[in-house]
Structure formats: structure tokens, C-alpha cells
């Protein structure tokens, strides 16, 4: 299983770490799978799925 910490989430989303810190606290962002001494970590697959769904909604192509 691949995981991402906040810095990797920021890089993946193409945003600053400060912006990523705001995004990961949103109710629709995937829950972290663990909290380590370095901080929270997320499943990379969950972050990718979240991004794909969000992009579809922003494009208006999500039928939901």
C-alpha cells in the first residue's frame, strides 16, 4: 500500500502545503489511515480517487 503524508498530498494536488492542510481538513477529503509522529498519513489510492471525483464535479461531468 502506498501512503502520502501532507507534503506528498500537496505535491500530488499541485498546491502549497498550507493549502493542502486546509483541504485535508474538509469533510469530503478521505480520512487519514494513521497518525504517526510525522503527522497524518493517507492512502495514496484514496487521495487519487478523491481527486478524480472532485475533478469530475468541477468539470460538470459527474451525474450525481
PDB file of N, CA and C in Angstrom:
ATOM      1  N   UNK A   1       0.849  -1.179   0.000  1.00  0.00           N
ATOM      2  CA  UNK A   1       0.000   0.000   0.000  1.00  0.00           C
ATOM      3  C   UNK A   1       0.892   1.239   0.000  1.00  0.00           C
ATOM      4  N   UNK A   2       0.595   2.145  -0.905  1.00  0.00           N
ATOM      5  CA  UNK A   2       1.310   3.409  -0.938  1.00  0.00           C
ATOM      6  C   UNK A   2       0.593   4.412  -0.048  1.00  0.00           C
ATOM      7  N   UNK A   3       1.377   5.235   0.622  1.00  0.00           N
ATOM      8  CA  UNK A   3       0.810   6.237   1.523  1.00  0.00           C
ATOM      9  C   UNK A   3       1.378   7.605   1.191  1.00  0.00           C
ATOM     10  N   UNK A   4       0.670   8.632   1.643  1.00  0.00           N
ATOM     11  CA  UNK A   4       1.105  10.013   1.451  1.00  0.00           C
ATOM     12  C   UNK A   4       0.995  10.759   2.773  1.00  0.00           C
ATOM     13  N   UNK A   5       2.022  11.520   3.081  1.00  0.00           N
ATOM     14  CA  UNK A   5       1.940  12.485   4.180  1.00  0.00           C
ATOM     15  C   UNK A   5       1.513  13.815   3.560  1.00  0.00           C
ATOM     16  N   UNK A   6       1.380  14.835   4.361  1.00  0.00           N
ATOM     17  CA  UNK A   6       0.876  16.121   3.876  1.00  0.00           C
ATOM     18  C   UNK A   6       1.712  16.674   2.723  1.00  0.00           C
ATOM     19  N   UNK A   7       3.022  16.563   2.805  1.00  0.00           N
ATOM     20  CA  UNK A   7       3.875  17.096   1.735  1.00  0.00           C
ATOM     21  C   UNK A   7       3.603  16.383   0.411  1.00  0.00           C
ATOM     22  N   UNK A   8       3.406  15.079   0.457  1.00  0.00           N
ATOM     23  CA  UNK A   8       3.116  14.327  -0.763  1.00  0.00           C
ATOM     24  C   UNK A   8       1.723  14.655  -1.301  1.00  0.00           C
ATOM     25  N   UNK A   9       0.770  14.848  -0.395  1.00  0.00           N
ATOM     26  CA  UNK A   9      -0.575  15.251  -0.823  1.00  0.00           C
ATOM     27  C   UNK A   9      -0.488  16.590  -1.547  1.00  0.00           C
ATOM     28  N   UNK A  10       0.252  17.538  -0.980  1.00  0.00           N
ATOM     29  CA  UNK A  10       0.413  18.851  -1.595  1.00  0.00           C
ATOM     30  C   UNK A  10       1.038  18.732  -2.980  1.00  0.00           C
ATOM     31  N   UNK A  11       2.107  17.951  -3.093  1.00  0.00           N
ATOM     32  CA  UNK A  11       2.763  17.764  -4.388  1.00  0.00           C
ATOM     33  C   UNK A  11       1.806  17.136  -5.398  1.00  0.00           C
ATOM     34  N   UNK A  12       1.078  16.116  -4.980  1.00  0.00           N
ATOM     35  CA  UNK A  12       0.143  15.419  -5.867  1.00  0.00           C
ATOM     36  C   UNK A  12      -0.951  16.364  -6.362  1.00  0.00           C
ATOM     37  N   UNK A  13      -1.472  17.193  -5.458  1.00  0.00           N
ATOM     38  CA  UNK A  13      -2.552  18.107  -5.823  1.00  0.00           C
ATOM     39  C   UNK A  13      -2.037  19.367  -6.521  1.00  0.00           C
ATOM     40  N   UNK A  14      -0.728  19.604  -6.459  1.00  0.00           N
ATOM     41  CA  UNK A  14      -0.157  20.781  -7.092  1.00  0.00           C
ATOM     42  C   UNK A  14      -0.466  22.065  -6.344  1.00  0.00           C
ATOM     43  N   UNK A  15      -0.510  21.960  -5.011  1.00  0.00           N
ATOM     44  CA  UNK A  15      -0.807  23.117  -4.165  1.00  0.00           C
ATOM     45  C   UNK A  15       0.276  23.254  -3.104  1.00  0.00           C
ATOM     46  N   UNK A  16       0.249  24.374  -2.405  1.00  0.00           N
ATOM     47  CA  UNK A  16       1.203  24.572  -1.313  1.00  0.00           C
ATOM     48  C   UNK A  16       0.833  23.655  -0.140  1.00  0.00           C
ATOM     49  N   UNK A  17       1.781  23.486   0.762  1.00  0.00           N
ATOM     50  CA  UNK A  17       1.495  22.690   1.961  1.00  0.00           C
ATOM     51  C   UNK A  17       0.423  23.352   2.807  1.00  0.00           C
ATOM     52  N   UNK A  18       0.406  24.672   2.812  1.00  0.00           N
ATOM     53  CA  UNK A  18      -0.614  25.389   3.579  1.00  0.00           C
ATOM     54  C   UNK A  18      -2.009  25.115   3.002  1.00  0.00           C
ATOM     55  N   UNK A  19      -2.132  25.160   1.676  1.00  0.00           N
ATOM     56  CA  UNK A  19      -3.424  24.873   1.030  1.00  0.00           C
ATOM     57  C   UNK A  19      -3.815  23.415   1.260  1.00  0.00           C
ATOM     58  N   UNK A  20      -2.848  22.505   1.165  1.00  0.00           N
ATOM     59  CA  UNK A  20      -3.137  21.086   1.400  1.00  0.00           C
ATOM     60  C   UNK A  20      -3.642  20.870   2.821  1.00  0.00           C
ATOM     61  N   UNK A  21      -3.076  21.593   3.792  1.00  0.00           N
ATOM     62  CA  UNK A  21      -3.516  21.464   5.185  1.00  0.00           C
ATOM     63  C   UNK A  21      -4.981  21.852   5.325  1.00  0.00           C
ATOM     64  N   UNK A  22      -5.424  22.823   4.539  1.00  0.00           N
ATOM     65  CA  UNK A  22      -6.835  23.217   4.558  1.00  0.00           C
ATOM     66  C   UNK A  22      -7.694  22.142   3.892  1.00  0.00           C
ATOM     67  N   UNK A  23      -7.228  21.643   2.754  1.00  0.00           N
ATOM     68  CA  UNK A  23      -8.009  20.648   2.006  1.00  0.00           C
ATOM     69  C   UNK A  23      -8.194  19.348   2.776  1.00  0.00           C
ATOM     70  N   UNK A  24      -7.157  18.881   3.461  1.00  0.00           N
ATOM     71  CA  UNK A  24      -7.273  17.597   4.160  1.00  0.00           C
ATOM     72  C   UNK A  24      -8.217  17.665   5.351  1.00  0.00           C
ATOM     73  N   UNK A  25      -8.541  18.882   5.798  1.00  0.00           N
ATOM     74  CA  UNK A  25      -9.491  19.037   6.897  1.00  0.00           C
ATOM     75  C   UNK A  25     -10.941  19.140   6.418  1.00  0.00           C
ATOM     76  N   UNK A  26     -11.146  19.139   5.112  1.00  0.00           N
ATOM     77  CA  UNK A  26     -12.513  19.194   4.567  1.00  0.00           C
ATOM     78  C   UNK A  26     -13.234  17.878   4.873  1.00  0.00           C
ATOM     79  N   UNK A  27     -14.533  17.972   5.047  1.00  0.00           N
ATOM     80  CA  UNK A  27     -15.335  16.783   5.360  1.00  0.00           C
ATOM     81  C   UNK A  27     -15.321  15.767   4.233  1.00  0.00           C
ATOM     82  N   UNK A  28     -15.147  16.225   2.980  1.00  0.00           N
ATOM     83  CA  UNK A  28     -15.184  15.287   1.852  1.00  0.00           C
ATOM     84  C   UNK A  28     -13.818  14.692   1.515  1.00  0.00           C
ATOM     85  N   UNK A  29     -12.762  15.135   2.208  1.00  0.00           N
ATOM     86  CA  UNK A  29     -11.438  14.562   1.963  1.00  0.00           C
ATOM     87  C   UNK A  29     -11.343  13.233   2.704  1.00  0.00           C
ATOM     88  N   UNK A  30     -10.658  12.243   2.120  1.00  0.00           N
ATOM     89  CA  UNK A  30     -10.541  10.942   2.803  1.00  0.00           C
ATOM     90  C   UNK A  30      -9.925  11.071   4.196  1.00  0.00           C
ATOM     91  N   UNK A  31     -10.386  10.235   5.081  1.00  0.00           N
ATOM     92  CA  UNK A  31      -9.832  10.211   6.435  1.00  0.00           C
ATOM     93  C   UNK A  31      -8.414   9.638   6.390  1.00  0.00           C
ATOM     94  N   UNK A  32      -7.543  10.146   7.246  1.00  0.00           N
ATOM     95  CA  UNK A  32      -6.197   9.556   7.304  1.00  0.00           C
ATOM     96  C   UNK A  32      -6.281   8.113   7.790  1.00  0.00           C
ATOM     97  N   UNK A  33      -5.341   7.308   7.315  1.00  0.00           N
ATOM     98  CA  UNK A  33      -5.341   5.903   7.740  1.00  0.00           C
ATOM     99  C   UNK A  33      -4.569   5.711   9.035  1.00  0.00           C
ATOM    100  N   UNK A  34      -3.727   6.693   9.380  1.00  0.00           N
ATOM    101  CA  UNK A  34      -2.967   6.625  10.633  1.00  0.00           C
ATOM    102  C   UNK A  34      -2.405   8.001  10.952  1.00  0.00           C
ATOM    103  N   UNK A  35      -2.050   8.178  12.199  1.00  0.00           N
ATOM    104  CA  UNK A  35      -1.335   9.371  12.630  1.00  0.00           C
ATOM    105  C   UNK A  35      -0.029   8.908  13.244  1.00  0.00           C
ATOM    106  N   UNK A  36       1.059   9.352  12.654  1.00  0.00           N
ATOM    107  CA  UNK A  36       2.400   8.985  13.107  1.00  0.00           C
ATOM    108  C   UNK A  36       3.058  10.209  13.733  1.00  0.00           C
ATOM    109  N   UNK A  37       4.274  10.057  14.207  1.00  0.00           N
ATOM    110  CA  UNK A  37       4.966  11.202  14.793  1.00  0.00           C
ATOM    111  C   UNK A  37       5.206  12.300  13.761  1.00  0.00           C
ATOM    112  N   UNK A  38       5.265  11.939  12.480  1.00  0.00           N
ATOM    113  CA  UNK A  38       5.434  12.935  11.413  1.00  0.00           C
ATOM    114  C   UNK A  38       4.115  13.580  11.027  1.00  0.00           C
ATOM    115  N   UNK A  39       3.019  13.072  11.525  1.00  0.00           N
ATOM    116  CA  UNK A  39       1.704  13.614  11.208  1.00  0.00           C
ATOM    117  C   UNK A  39       0.787  12.554  10.623  1.00  0.00           C
ATOM    118  N   UNK A  40      -0.299  13.037  10.053  1.00  0.00           N
ATOM    119  CA  UNK A  40      -1.289  12.120   9.466  1.00  0.00           C
ATOM    120  C   UNK A  40      -0.788  11.585   8.134  1.00  0.00           C
ATOM    121  N   UNK A  41      -1.225  10.365   7.811  1.00  0.00           N
ATOM    122  CA  UNK A  41      -0.925   9.785   6.504  1.00  0.00           C
ATOM    123  C   UNK A  41      -2.215   9.267   5.889  1.00  0.00           C
ATOM    124  N   UNK A  42      -2.253   9.331   4.564  1.00  0.00           N
ATOM    125  CA  UNK A  42      -3.419   8.910   3.799  1.00  0.00           C
ATOM    126  C   UNK A  42      -3.030   7.842   2.813  1.00  0.00           C
ATOM    127  N   UNK A  43      -3.997   7.004   2.464  1.00  0.00           N
ATOM    128  CA  UNK A  43      -3.806   6.041   1.393  1.00  0.00           C
ATOM    129  C   UNK A  43      -3.691   6.817   0.087  1.00  0.00           C
ATOM    130  N   UNK A  44      -2.650   6.546  -0.687  1.00  0.00           N
ATOM    131  CA  UNK A  44      -2.471   7.227  -1.965  1.00  0.00           C
ATOM    132  C   UNK A  44      -3.652   6.933  -2.892  1.00  0.00           C
ATOM    133  N   UNK A  45      -4.178   5.732  -2.843  1.00  0.00           N
ATOM    134  CA  UNK A  45      -5.329   5.378  -3.684  1.00  0.00           C
ATOM    135  C   UNK A  45      -6.552   6.209  -3.299  1.00  0.00           C
ATOM    136  N   UNK A  46      -6.758   6.447  -2.010  1.00  0.00           N
ATOM    137  CA  UNK A  46      -7.890   7.264  -1.561  1.00  0.00           C
ATOM    138  C   UNK A  46      -7.751   8.707  -2.050  1.00  0.00           C
ATOM    139  N   UNK A  47      -6.538   9.239  -2.002  1.00  0.00           N
ATOM    140  CA  UNK A  47      -6.303  10.612  -2.449  1.00  0.00           C
ATOM    141  C   UNK A  47      -6.524  10.716  -3.959  1.00  0.00           C
ATOM    142  N   UNK A  48      -6.053   9.717  -4.715  1.00  0.00           N
ATOM    143  CA  UNK A  48      -6.278   9.722  -6.165  1.00  0.00           C
ATOM    144  C   UNK A  48      -7.764   9.660  -6.493  1.00  0.00           C
ATOM    145  N   UNK A  49      -8.505   8.795  -5.801  1.00  0.00           N
ATOM    146  CA  UNK A  49      -9.946   8.673  -6.030  1.00  0.00           C
ATOM    147  C   UNK A  49     -10.652   9.979  -5.706  1.00  0.00           C
ATOM    148  N   UNK A  50     -10.299  10.600  -4.598  1.00  0.00           N
ATOM    149  CA  UNK A  50     -10.880  11.889  -4.211  1.00  0.00           C
ATOM    150  C   UNK A  50     -10.644  12.919  -5.316  1.00  0.00           C
ATOM    151  N   UNK A  51      -9.412  12.982  -5.826  1.00  0.00           N
ATOM    152  CA  UNK A  51      -9.059  13.956  -6.852  1.00  0.00           C
ATOM    153  C   UNK A  51      -9.849  13.711  -8.132  1.00  0.00           C
ATOM    154  N   UNK A  52      -9.983  12.455  -8.527  1.00  0.00           N
ATOM    155  CA  UNK A  52     -10.741  12.130  -9.734  1.00  0.00           C
ATOM    156  C   UNK A  52     -12.203  12.540  -9.592  1.00  0.00           C
ATOM    157  N   UNK A  53     -12.810  12.236  -8.454  1.00  0.00           N
ATOM    158  CA  UNK A  53     -14.210  12.604  -8.225  1.00  0.00           C
ATOM    159  C   UNK A  53     -14.374  14.116  -8.196  1.00  0.00           C
ATOM    160  N   UNK A  54     -13.470  14.800  -7.532  1.00  0.00           N
ATOM    161  CA  UNK A  54     -13.546  16.258  -7.435  1.00  0.00           C
ATOM    162  C   UNK A  54     -13.396  16.904  -8.809  1.00  0.00           C
ATOM    163  N   UNK A  55     -12.473  16.392  -9.605  1.00  0.00           N
ATOM    164  CA  UNK A  55     -12.268  16.941 -10.959  1.00  0.00           C
ATOM    165  C   UNK A  55     -13.508  16.720 -11.822  1.00  0.00           C
ATOM    166  N   UNK A  56     -14.157  15.571 -11.693  1.00  0.00           N
ATOM    167  CA  UNK A  56     -15.385  15.320 -12.458  1.00  0.00           C
ATOM    168  C   UNK A  56     -16.472  16.302 -12.040  1.00  0.00           C
ATOM    169  N   UNK A  57     -16.618  16.550 -10.756  1.00  0.00           N
ATOM    170  CA  UNK A  57     -17.626  17.508 -10.286  1.00  0.00           C
ATOM    171  C   UNK A  57     -17.329  18.911 -10.808  1.00  0.00           C
ATOM    172  N   UNK A  58     -16.062  19.303 -10.792  1.00  0.00           N
ATOM    173  CA  UNK A  58     -15.701  20.638 -11.256  1.00  0.00           C
ATOM    174  C   UNK A  58     -15.892  20.784 -12.757  1.00  0.00           C
ATOM    175  N   UNK A  59     -15.729  19.682 -13.490  1.00  0.00           N
ATOM    176  CA  UNK A  59     -15.942  19.699 -14.939  1.00  0.00           C
ATOM    177  C   UNK A  59     -17.422  19.655 -15.289  1.00  0.00           C
ATOM    178  N   UNK A  60     -18.259  19.346 -14.295  1.00  0.00           N
ATOM    179  CA  UNK A  60     -19.687  19.217 -14.546  1.00  0.00           C
ATOM    180  C   UNK A  60     -20.067  17.897 -15.173  1.00  0.00           C
ATOM    181  N   UNK A  61     -19.134  16.938 -15.166  1.00  0.00           N
ATOM    182  CA  UNK A  61     -19.419  15.661 -15.810  1.00  0.00           C
ATOM    183  C   UNK A  61     -19.863  14.584 -14.813  1.00  0.00           C
ATOM    184  N   UNK A  62     -20.017  14.934 -13.546  1.00  0.00           N
ATOM    185  CA  UNK A  62     -20.484  13.975 -12.555  1.00  0.00           C
ATOM    186  C   UNK A  62     -21.997  14.005 -12.535  1.00  0.00           C
ATOM    187  N   UNK A  63     -22.612  12.857 -12.785  1.00  0.00           N
ATOM    188  CA  UNK A  63     -24.078  12.791 -12.884  1.00  0.00           C
ATOM    189  C   UNK A  63     -24.742  12.808 -11.519  1.00  0.00           C
ATOM    190  N   UNK A  64     -23.953  12.719 -10.414  1.00  0.00           N
ATOM    191  CA  UNK A  64     -24.507  12.630  -9.062  1.00  0.00           C
ATOM    192  C   UNK A  64     -24.995  13.852  -8.543  1.00  0.00           C
TER     193      UNK A  64
END
